[in-house]
Protein backbone atom coordinates (compact mmCIF):
# COMPACT_ATOMS: atom_id res chain seq x y z
CA MET A 1 1.27 -8.31 25.60
CA TYR A 2 4.83 -7.53 24.63
CA TYR A 3 6.37 -9.71 21.92
CA SER A 4 10.14 -9.58 21.60
CA LEU A 5 11.61 -7.97 18.49
CA PHE A 6 13.48 -11.22 17.86
CA GLU A 7 10.25 -13.20 18.13
CA ILE A 8 8.71 -11.02 15.43
CA PHE A 9 11.78 -10.82 13.18
CA ALA A 10 13.06 -14.40 13.06
CA ILE A 11 15.27 -16.19 10.55
CA GLY A 12 13.63 -19.01 8.63
CA ILE A 13 13.31 -20.81 5.33
CA GLY A 14 10.76 -19.52 2.77
CA PRO A 15 8.22 -19.41 1.34
CA SER A 16 5.79 -19.22 4.30
CA SER A 17 6.32 -18.58 8.00
CA SER A 18 3.10 -20.38 8.96
CA HIS A 19 3.60 -23.20 6.44
CA THR A 20 7.38 -23.72 6.60
CA VAL A 21 8.92 -22.01 9.64
CA GLY A 22 6.19 -23.11 12.08
CA PRO A 23 5.91 -26.74 10.90
CA MET A 24 9.71 -27.04 10.89
CA LYS A 25 9.80 -25.87 14.52
CA ALA A 26 6.95 -28.24 15.44
CA ALA A 27 8.74 -31.23 13.86
CA ASN A 28 11.94 -30.27 15.66
CA ARG A 29 10.15 -30.02 18.98
CA PHE A 30 8.43 -33.37 18.46
CA VAL A 31 11.79 -35.06 17.88
CA ASP A 32 13.23 -33.33 20.95
CA ASN A 33 10.34 -34.65 23.03
CA LEU A 34 11.03 -38.18 21.79
CA LYS A 35 14.66 -37.75 22.82
CA ASN A 36 13.74 -36.39 26.24
CA GLN A 37 11.47 -39.40 26.83
CA GLY A 38 14.25 -41.78 25.80
CA ASN A 39 12.13 -43.09 22.93
CA LEU A 40 14.00 -41.86 19.86
CA SER A 41 15.97 -45.11 19.56
CA LYS A 42 12.68 -47.09 19.60
CA VAL A 43 11.02 -45.26 16.68
CA ALA A 44 10.33 -47.56 13.74
CA THR A 45 7.64 -45.61 11.86
CA LEU A 46 6.51 -42.01 11.77
CA LYS A 47 3.40 -40.47 10.26
CA VAL A 48 2.58 -36.79 9.82
CA TYR A 49 -1.02 -35.62 9.39
CA LEU A 50 -1.70 -32.15 7.98
CA TYR A 51 -5.10 -30.48 8.43
CA GLY A 52 -7.00 -27.57 6.91
CA SER A 53 -4.88 -24.92 5.27
CA LEU A 54 -1.67 -26.90 5.77
CA ALA A 55 -3.22 -29.83 3.91
CA LEU A 56 -4.75 -27.72 1.14
CA THR A 57 -1.72 -25.55 0.37
CA GLY A 58 1.14 -27.30 2.15
CA VAL A 59 2.59 -28.95 -0.96
CA GLY A 60 2.84 -25.64 -2.80
CA HIS A 61 4.03 -23.81 0.31
CA GLY A 62 6.89 -26.24 1.00
CA THR A 63 5.38 -27.56 4.25
CA LEU A 64 6.32 -31.18 3.67
CA ASP A 65 9.95 -30.31 2.97
CA ALA A 66 10.12 -28.03 6.01
CA ILE A 67 8.78 -30.80 8.25
CA VAL A 68 11.45 -33.15 6.92
CA TYR A 69 14.12 -30.57 7.82
CA GLY A 70 12.68 -30.37 11.32
CA LEU A 71 12.43 -34.14 11.75
CA GLN A 72 16.12 -34.32 10.89
CA GLY A 73 16.81 -31.92 13.75
CA LEU A 74 17.81 -29.01 11.54
CA THR A 75 17.16 -25.37 12.37
CA ALA A 76 16.69 -22.71 9.70
CA GLU A 77 20.19 -21.34 10.18
CA GLU A 78 21.69 -24.84 9.89
CA VAL A 79 20.06 -25.68 6.56
CA ASP A 80 22.79 -25.72 3.89
CA PRO A 81 21.37 -24.40 0.58
CA HIS A 82 23.92 -26.50 -1.32
CA ILE A 83 22.54 -29.80 0.06
CA ASP A 84 19.37 -31.28 -1.41
CA TYR A 85 18.06 -32.95 1.75
CA ILE A 86 14.81 -33.96 0.09
CA ALA A 87 16.48 -35.70 -2.84
CA LEU A 88 18.69 -37.62 -0.42
CA LEU A 89 15.64 -38.79 1.53
CA GLN A 90 13.65 -39.74 -1.55
CA LYS A 91 16.56 -41.68 -3.03
CA ASP A 92 16.02 -44.58 -0.61
CA ASN A 93 13.07 -43.36 1.52
CA MET A 94 15.18 -43.23 4.66
CA LEU A 95 14.89 -40.38 7.18
CA ASN A 96 17.75 -39.47 9.50
CA ILE A 97 15.52 -38.64 12.45
CA GLY A 98 17.12 -36.20 14.85
CA ARG A 99 20.38 -36.78 12.99
CA GLU A 100 20.81 -39.86 15.18
CA ARG A 101 19.31 -42.83 13.33
CA TYR A 102 17.61 -43.77 10.08
CA ILE A 103 14.02 -44.95 9.76
CA SER A 104 11.89 -45.76 6.74
CA PHE A 105 9.93 -42.70 5.59
CA SER A 106 8.00 -42.02 2.39
CA TYR A 107 6.47 -38.76 1.19
CA LYS A 108 3.71 -40.75 -0.48
CA ASP A 109 2.78 -42.97 2.46
CA ASP A 110 3.83 -41.13 5.61
CA PHE A 111 2.38 -37.69 4.94
CA VAL A 112 -1.42 -37.71 5.21
CA LEU A 113 -3.20 -34.62 3.84
CA GLU A 114 -6.56 -34.24 5.57
CA LYS A 115 -7.90 -31.56 3.22
CA LYS A 116 -11.48 -31.67 4.50
CA ILE A 117 -10.68 -31.59 8.21
CA PHE A 118 -10.21 -28.24 9.95
CA LEU A 119 -9.26 -28.64 13.60
CA PRO A 120 -11.31 -26.27 15.78
CA GLU A 121 -8.37 -24.54 17.43
CA HIS A 122 -6.73 -23.22 14.22
CA SER A 123 -6.76 -23.99 10.51
CA ASN A 124 -2.99 -24.70 10.46
CA GLY A 125 -3.00 -28.02 12.30
CA MET A 126 -0.58 -30.95 12.17
CA LYS A 127 -0.19 -34.23 14.06
CA PHE A 128 2.97 -36.31 14.52
CA VAL A 129 2.68 -39.99 15.47
CA ALA A 130 5.75 -42.12 16.22
CA CYS A 131 5.42 -45.90 16.70
CA ASP A 132 7.77 -48.71 17.65
CA GLU A 133 8.39 -51.87 15.60
CA ASN A 134 5.23 -53.46 17.03
CA GLY A 135 3.03 -50.52 16.04
CA ALA A 136 2.63 -49.23 19.60
CA ILE A 137 2.43 -45.44 19.80
CA LEU A 138 5.49 -43.92 21.48
CA LEU A 139 4.36 -40.32 21.14
CA SER A 140 1.50 -38.51 19.43
CA GLU A 141 1.28 -34.71 19.47
CA VAL A 142 -0.85 -32.11 17.70
CA TYR A 143 0.62 -28.69 16.92
CA PHE A 144 -0.68 -25.51 15.35
CA SER A 145 1.25 -22.94 13.35
CA VAL A 146 -0.41 -19.71 14.46
CA GLY A 147 1.45 -17.15 12.32
CA GLY A 148 4.89 -15.62 11.97
CA GLY A 149 6.54 -18.98 12.65
CA THR A 150 5.05 -19.25 16.15
CA ILE A 151 3.74 -22.68 17.18
CA ALA A 152 1.54 -24.00 19.98
CA ARG A 153 0.86 -27.57 21.00
CA GLN A 154 -2.80 -28.55 21.35
CA ASP A 155 -2.68 -28.25 25.14
CA GLU A 156 -1.10 -24.80 24.84
CA ILE A 157 -3.09 -23.05 22.14
CA SER A 158 -5.98 -22.10 24.44
CA ARG A 159 -3.40 -20.20 26.50
CA ARG A 160 -1.92 -18.40 23.50
CA ILE A 161 -3.22 -14.99 24.61
CA ASP A 162 -2.38 -15.77 28.24
CA ARG A 163 1.17 -16.91 27.50
CA GLN A 164 3.84 -16.17 30.09
CA ALA A 165 4.81 -12.52 29.83
CA TYR A 166 8.37 -11.36 29.39
CA SER A 167 9.92 -9.68 32.40
CA VAL A 168 10.32 -6.26 30.85
CA PRO A 169 10.10 -2.72 32.25
CA TYR A 170 7.30 -1.69 29.88
CA GLN A 171 4.45 -4.13 29.35
CA PHE A 172 1.49 -3.09 27.19
CA ASN A 173 -1.58 -4.74 25.68
CA ASN A 174 -2.82 -2.10 23.26
CA CYS A 175 -1.75 1.12 21.57
CA THR A 176 -3.43 3.33 24.16
CA GLU A 177 -1.30 1.74 26.88
CA LEU A 178 1.82 1.97 24.72
CA MET A 179 1.29 5.68 24.11
CA LYS A 180 0.72 6.38 27.81
CA LEU A 181 3.91 4.56 28.73
CA CYS A 182 5.84 6.58 26.17
CA ASP A 183 4.30 9.86 27.32
CA ASN A 184 4.78 9.20 31.04
CA ASN A 185 8.40 8.13 30.61
CA LYS A 186 9.26 10.61 27.84
CA LEU A 187 10.27 7.82 25.45
CA THR A 188 9.86 7.20 21.76
CA ILE A 189 8.33 3.85 20.84
CA ALA A 190 11.75 2.65 19.66
CA GLU A 191 13.42 3.66 22.94
CA LEU A 192 10.79 1.76 24.91
CA VAL A 193 11.30 -1.37 22.79
CA LEU A 194 15.09 -1.21 23.10
CA GLN A 195 14.84 -0.97 26.89
CA ASN A 196 12.57 -4.03 26.89
CA GLU A 197 14.97 -5.95 24.67
CA ARG A 198 17.92 -5.12 26.92
CA ALA A 199 15.96 -6.59 29.83
CA ILE A 200 15.20 -9.78 27.89
CA LEU A 201 18.73 -10.24 26.55
CA HIS A 202 20.54 -8.85 29.62
CA GLY A 203 22.57 -6.81 27.19
CA SER A 204 22.45 -4.66 24.08
CA PRO A 205 20.26 -5.90 21.21
CA VAL A 206 21.88 -3.62 18.63
CA LYS A 207 24.25 -6.15 17.06
CA ASN A 208 21.47 -8.69 16.54
CA ILE A 209 19.10 -6.07 15.13
CA LEU A 210 21.71 -5.01 12.59
CA LYS A 211 22.21 -8.67 11.67
CA LEU A 212 18.51 -8.92 10.81
CA ASP A 213 18.77 -5.72 8.76
CA LYS A 214 21.73 -7.12 6.83
CA ILE A 215 19.92 -10.36 5.97
CA MET A 216 16.90 -8.41 4.71
CA GLN A 217 19.04 -6.06 2.62
CA ASP A 218 21.15 -8.97 1.31
CA ASN A 219 17.92 -10.62 0.14
CA ILE A 220 17.25 -7.61 -2.07
CA ASP A 221 20.70 -7.86 -3.64
CA ILE A 222 20.45 -11.63 -4.07
CA GLY A 223 17.02 -11.33 -5.67
CA LEU A 224 18.29 -8.72 -8.13
CA GLN A 225 20.90 -11.16 -9.42
CA LYS A 226 18.65 -14.14 -10.16
CA ASP A 227 16.47 -14.87 -13.15
CA GLY A 228 14.62 -17.86 -14.58
CA TYR A 229 11.39 -19.45 -13.38
CA LEU A 230 10.15 -20.30 -9.91
CA ARG A 231 9.38 -23.91 -9.06
CA GLY A 232 5.83 -25.13 -8.64
CA GLY A 233 4.26 -25.51 -12.07
CA LEU A 234 2.88 -22.01 -12.67
CA ARG A 235 5.98 -21.02 -14.67
CA VAL A 236 6.20 -17.71 -12.83
CA LYS A 237 9.14 -15.77 -14.19
CA ARG A 238 11.43 -13.88 -11.84
CA HIS A 239 11.14 -10.21 -12.86
CA ALA A 240 13.23 -8.27 -10.35
CA LYS A 241 16.57 -8.66 -12.18
CA GLU A 242 15.08 -7.74 -15.57
CA LEU A 243 13.27 -4.72 -14.15
CA TYR A 244 16.39 -3.63 -12.30
CA GLU A 245 18.55 -3.77 -15.42
CA ARG A 246 15.91 -1.88 -17.37
CA LEU A 247 15.69 0.80 -14.69
CA VAL A 248 19.48 1.25 -14.59
CA ALA A 249 19.51 1.65 -18.38
CA HIS A 250 16.66 4.12 -18.04
CA PHE A 251 18.80 6.22 -15.69
CA ASN A 252 21.84 5.99 -17.95
CA ALA A 253 19.72 7.37 -20.77
CA ASN A 254 19.15 10.48 -18.62
CA THR A 255 15.40 10.01 -18.81
CA THR A 256 13.56 12.01 -16.18
CA ASP A 257 10.50 10.59 -14.47
CA SER A 258 9.35 11.95 -11.13
CA LEU A 259 7.77 8.59 -10.21
CA THR A 260 10.88 6.48 -10.76
CA VAL A 261 11.19 6.09 -6.99
CA LEU A 262 8.10 3.87 -7.13
CA ASP A 263 9.90 1.63 -9.61
CA TRP A 264 12.77 1.23 -7.17
CA ILE A 265 10.44 0.36 -4.27
CA ASN A 266 8.61 -2.16 -6.47
CA ILE A 267 11.84 -3.81 -7.61
CA TRP A 268 13.27 -4.11 -4.11
CA ALA A 269 10.08 -5.70 -2.79
CA LEU A 270 9.81 -8.06 -5.77
CA ALA A 271 13.44 -9.16 -5.34
CA VAL A 272 12.83 -10.28 -1.75
CA ALA A 273 9.43 -11.84 -2.47
CA GLU A 274 10.87 -13.84 -5.37
CA GLU A 275 13.74 -15.03 -3.22
CA ASN A 276 11.23 -16.08 -0.57
CA ALA A 277 9.13 -17.93 -3.15
CA SER A 278 12.23 -19.90 -4.15
CA GLY A 279 12.69 -21.09 -0.55
CA GLY A 280 15.58 -18.81 0.40
CA LYS A 281 16.77 -17.98 3.91
CA MET A 282 14.60 -15.07 5.04
CA VAL A 283 13.53 -12.93 7.97
CA THR A 284 9.87 -13.08 9.00
CA ALA A 285 8.70 -9.50 8.67
CA PRO A 286 6.36 -10.41 10.25
CA THR A 287 5.67 -13.41 7.96
CA MET A 288 7.51 -14.94 5.01
CA GLY A 289 4.67 -14.21 2.61
CA SER A 290 5.01 -10.49 3.41
CA ALA A 291 8.79 -10.47 3.87
CA GLY A 292 9.49 -8.10 0.97
CA ILE A 293 7.71 -5.03 2.33
CA ILE A 294 9.90 -3.97 5.25
CA PRO A 295 13.25 -4.54 3.44
CA ALA A 296 12.01 -2.50 0.46
CA VAL A 297 10.78 0.37 2.64
CA MET A 298 14.03 0.31 4.60
CA ARG A 299 16.04 0.48 1.38
CA TYR A 300 13.91 3.48 0.40
CA MET A 301 14.60 5.02 3.83
CA LYS A 302 18.35 4.50 3.49
CA ARG A 303 18.53 5.86 -0.04
CA TYR A 304 16.20 8.84 0.24
CA GLY A 305 16.64 9.80 3.89
CA LYS A 306 18.87 12.75 4.75
CA PHE A 307 21.57 11.01 6.77
CA ALA A 308 24.99 12.55 7.31
CA THR A 309 26.94 9.37 8.13
CA ALA A 310 26.74 5.59 7.92
CA LYS A 311 26.23 5.54 11.70
CA ASP A 312 23.15 7.70 11.25
CA VAL A 313 21.78 5.14 8.79
CA GLU A 314 22.44 2.36 11.31
CA ARG A 315 20.62 4.25 14.04
CA ALA A 316 17.67 4.88 11.73
CA SER A 317 17.53 1.16 10.85
CA ILE A 318 17.44 0.23 14.53
CA VAL A 319 14.68 2.76 15.21
CA PHE A 320 12.73 1.46 12.19
CA LEU A 321 12.81 -2.19 13.25
CA ALA A 322 12.22 -1.47 16.95
CA THR A 323 9.17 0.65 16.16
CA ALA A 324 7.83 -1.88 13.65
CA SER A 325 8.14 -4.67 16.21
CA ALA A 326 6.04 -2.73 18.74
CA ILE A 327 3.30 -2.29 16.15
CA CYS A 328 3.39 -6.01 15.42
CA SER A 329 3.06 -6.77 19.14
CA LEU A 330 -0.28 -4.97 19.05
CA TYR A 331 -1.53 -7.08 16.13
CA ARG A 332 -0.31 -10.33 17.64
CA THR A 333 -1.93 -9.53 20.98
CA ASN A 334 -5.29 -8.30 19.68
CA ALA A 335 -5.67 -9.89 16.23
CA SER A 336 -3.54 -12.23 14.13
CA ILE A 337 -0.73 -12.28 11.58
CA SER A 338 -1.84 -15.60 10.09
CA GLY A 339 -3.26 -15.61 6.56
CA ALA A 340 -5.01 -18.86 7.40
CA GLU A 341 -6.82 -17.17 10.27
CA VAL A 342 -7.62 -13.64 9.04
CA GLY A 343 -6.65 -13.55 5.37
CA CYS A 344 -3.83 -11.62 3.74
CA GLN A 345 -4.69 -8.47 5.70
CA GLY A 346 -2.93 -10.28 8.57
CA GLU A 347 0.25 -10.65 6.52
CA ILE A 348 0.59 -7.98 3.81
CA GLY A 349 -1.64 -5.62 5.81
CA VAL A 350 0.33 -5.98 9.05
CA ALA A 351 3.69 -5.72 7.27
CA CYS A 352 2.46 -2.56 5.54
CA SER A 353 1.33 -1.11 8.87
CA MET A 354 4.65 -1.98 10.53
CA ALA A 355 6.69 -0.52 7.66
CA ALA A 356 4.73 2.74 7.61
CA ALA A 357 5.25 3.17 11.35
CA GLY A 358 8.93 2.29 11.11
CA LEU A 359 9.55 4.78 8.32
CA VAL A 360 7.87 7.62 10.21
CA ALA A 361 9.97 6.84 13.30
CA ALA A 362 13.23 6.58 11.34
CA TRP A 363 12.54 9.95 9.72
CA GLY A 364 11.91 11.66 13.05
CA GLY A 365 8.14 11.54 13.34
CA ASN A 366 6.52 11.69 16.77
CA ASN A 367 4.64 8.83 18.43
CA LYS A 368 1.20 10.06 17.34
CA GLN A 369 2.38 10.32 13.73
CA ILE A 370 3.72 6.77 14.01
CA GLU A 371 0.35 5.52 15.22
CA ASN A 372 -1.38 7.45 12.45
CA ALA A 373 0.85 5.91 9.77
CA ALA A 374 0.24 2.38 11.09
CA GLU A 375 -3.51 3.00 11.16
CA ILE A 376 -3.64 4.47 7.63
CA ALA A 377 -1.71 1.53 6.22
CA MET A 378 -4.00 -1.10 7.73
CA GLU A 379 -7.20 0.82 7.08
CA HIS A 380 -6.60 0.43 3.36
CA ASN A 381 -5.74 -3.28 3.54
CA LEU A 382 -8.94 -4.31 5.36
CA GLY A 383 -10.60 -7.36 3.86
CA LEU A 384 -7.57 -8.46 1.84
CA THR A 385 -8.05 -12.16 1.11
CA CYS A 386 -5.41 -14.88 1.07
CA ASP A 387 -6.00 -16.85 -2.14
CA PRO A 388 -2.68 -18.04 -3.64
CA ILE A 389 -2.96 -19.89 -6.94
CA ASN A 390 -2.13 -23.60 -6.61
CA GLY A 391 -1.12 -23.02 -2.98
CA LEU A 392 2.11 -21.34 -4.09
CA VAL A 393 3.44 -18.17 -2.47
CA GLN A 394 3.79 -16.62 -5.92
CA VAL A 395 0.58 -15.24 -7.45
CA PRO A 396 -0.68 -12.82 -6.19
CA CYS A 397 1.73 -12.84 -3.22
CA ILE A 398 4.85 -11.50 -4.94
CA GLU A 399 3.14 -8.47 -6.48
CA ARG A 400 1.28 -7.84 -3.21
CA ASN A 401 4.63 -7.24 -1.54
CA ALA A 402 5.40 -4.50 -4.05
CA MET A 403 1.98 -2.92 -3.65
CA GLY A 404 2.23 -3.17 0.14
CA ALA A 405 5.64 -1.46 0.18
CA VAL A 406 4.44 1.46 -1.93
CA LYS A 407 1.30 1.79 0.20
CA ALA A 408 3.45 1.84 3.36
CA VAL A 409 5.57 4.69 2.02
CA ASN A 410 2.47 6.65 1.07
CA ALA A 411 0.88 6.08 4.50
CA ALA A 412 4.07 7.30 6.18
CA ARG A 413 4.23 10.41 4.03
CA LEU A 414 0.58 11.21 4.74
CA ALA A 415 1.18 10.85 8.48
CA LEU A 416 4.33 12.99 8.41
CA GLN A 417 2.43 15.78 6.70
CA GLY A 418 0.00 15.94 9.63
CA SER A 419 0.34 16.57 13.35
CA GLY A 420 -0.56 13.02 14.35
CA ALA A 421 -4.18 13.88 15.16
CA HIS A 422 -6.58 11.37 13.63
CA ILE A 423 -10.15 10.15 14.13
CA VAL A 424 -9.60 6.39 13.72
CA SER A 425 -7.30 4.95 16.40
CA LEU A 426 -4.89 2.11 15.73
CA ASP A 427 -6.62 0.06 18.43
CA SER A 428 -9.94 0.39 16.64
CA ILE A 429 -8.45 -0.55 13.27
CA ILE A 430 -6.78 -3.64 14.75
CA LYS A 431 -10.10 -4.71 16.27
CA THR A 432 -11.79 -4.10 12.91
CA MET A 433 -9.15 -6.10 11.06
CA TYR A 434 -9.60 -9.07 13.39
CA GLU A 435 -13.39 -9.00 13.16
CA THR A 436 -13.18 -8.71 9.37
CA GLY A 437 -10.79 -11.65 9.22
CA LEU A 438 -13.01 -13.87 11.35
CA SER A 439 -16.00 -13.06 9.16
CA LEU A 440 -14.20 -14.01 5.93
CA ASN A 441 -15.32 -17.29 4.40
CA SER A 442 -12.69 -19.95 5.18
CA GLU A 443 -12.14 -20.47 1.44
CA TYR A 444 -10.54 -17.01 1.33
CA LYS A 445 -8.05 -17.81 4.08
CA GLU A 446 -5.05 -19.61 2.57
CA THR A 447 -6.93 -22.60 1.21
CA SER A 448 -6.61 -21.86 -2.53
CA LEU A 449 -10.28 -22.80 -2.93
CA ALA A 450 -11.71 -19.41 -3.92
CA GLY A 451 -10.94 -15.95 -5.20
CA ILE A 452 -7.98 -15.52 -7.51
CA ALA A 453 -6.90 -19.10 -6.85
CA LYS A 454 -10.21 -20.36 -8.26
CA ASN A 455 -10.84 -17.92 -11.10
CA ALA A 456 -7.44 -17.03 -12.53
CA LEU A 457 -6.91 -20.42 -14.12
CA SER A 458 -10.54 -20.99 -15.14
CA CYS A 459 -11.64 -17.71 -16.75
């Protein structure tokens, strides 16, 4: 099923699309439902229950803070980075629910972390319960954050695959169908996506696509200016600025190294991933935890591509993101982009696959080469576990963005050197990724109970 480009690339607050963007949306929707029922003025107490992965890693991932933003009726674009909303709440334990009235609310008492309970529908579960002054329940709703910032209420999640389709000229469910549509209509993948987006928006999507590109590229530049340590207790040092300054000095010394381009790709990806880990304003690409890969590969495309004018660079950026979004539609329809559901292959792996496809398209590759690049990138991320230390989107997540960006570039270059003919189809690799993810032990799916999260601090 077709997912809109702006559903895949959405603006949110880091460090995790499934743990911050999704819960923030769910909290916002819960408050809106209270308003629509005329019950917001009656709310005296509010409790939030987190289950499974959200309970186990939510503190480190910023879930509690994100929910507070949502309960206050804030959207990601409205959050002012100069205001410490959490400190204001904790000063007197009063929550400005829906920005309409204050109620008593305590992090310690009103967030309940059910670390041993995994709801059957999805491991990222949360429940909101609002009561009046007599303790009577006004509204109780369960939501799930299913990846990339997308949410579903408990009565909706069973229909996630059968969600209402967009009214677009080109609907597809798998890569085979996508390729046939492109062939029959003599379209590139990017052209097909742009026609779909025009139908959804009833106008040109170009301005909004370029806005997303600017935010992603700005995150590189912001990340290259910051140093110090990331919050969370691991004392993870921000490296992008230091590495950038060292690389610039390296160039000024006229030192030649044919692999310096890899250093640039690494630095750009690290800059964005570090900014995400600090809770910055980001673009899901397709998730926050993997948000450094596509911006880094796009910066590589802009710098090393043979473009005559700035307009040519803009056009290439649009083609890149449109193509990448189509690839993500395939994963969202037939697998998952949630680390809590299929491990990090669903985040870093999908972002790598999207970036490889986007780069091939931006550099003039044909549709079969694009498919080949996406398949190569995922094939060599299969089985990647999601095991962040202390539930923080820092180790190994930040370095994984750098590795994923380099792997995406290599996959694209391999595909461009061939004709597009390949034995393993993208459809088969997506099916394999999903089956692999489902077979992973739950402790390796964003719980911080196994893998690196378990051994790095104990060995």
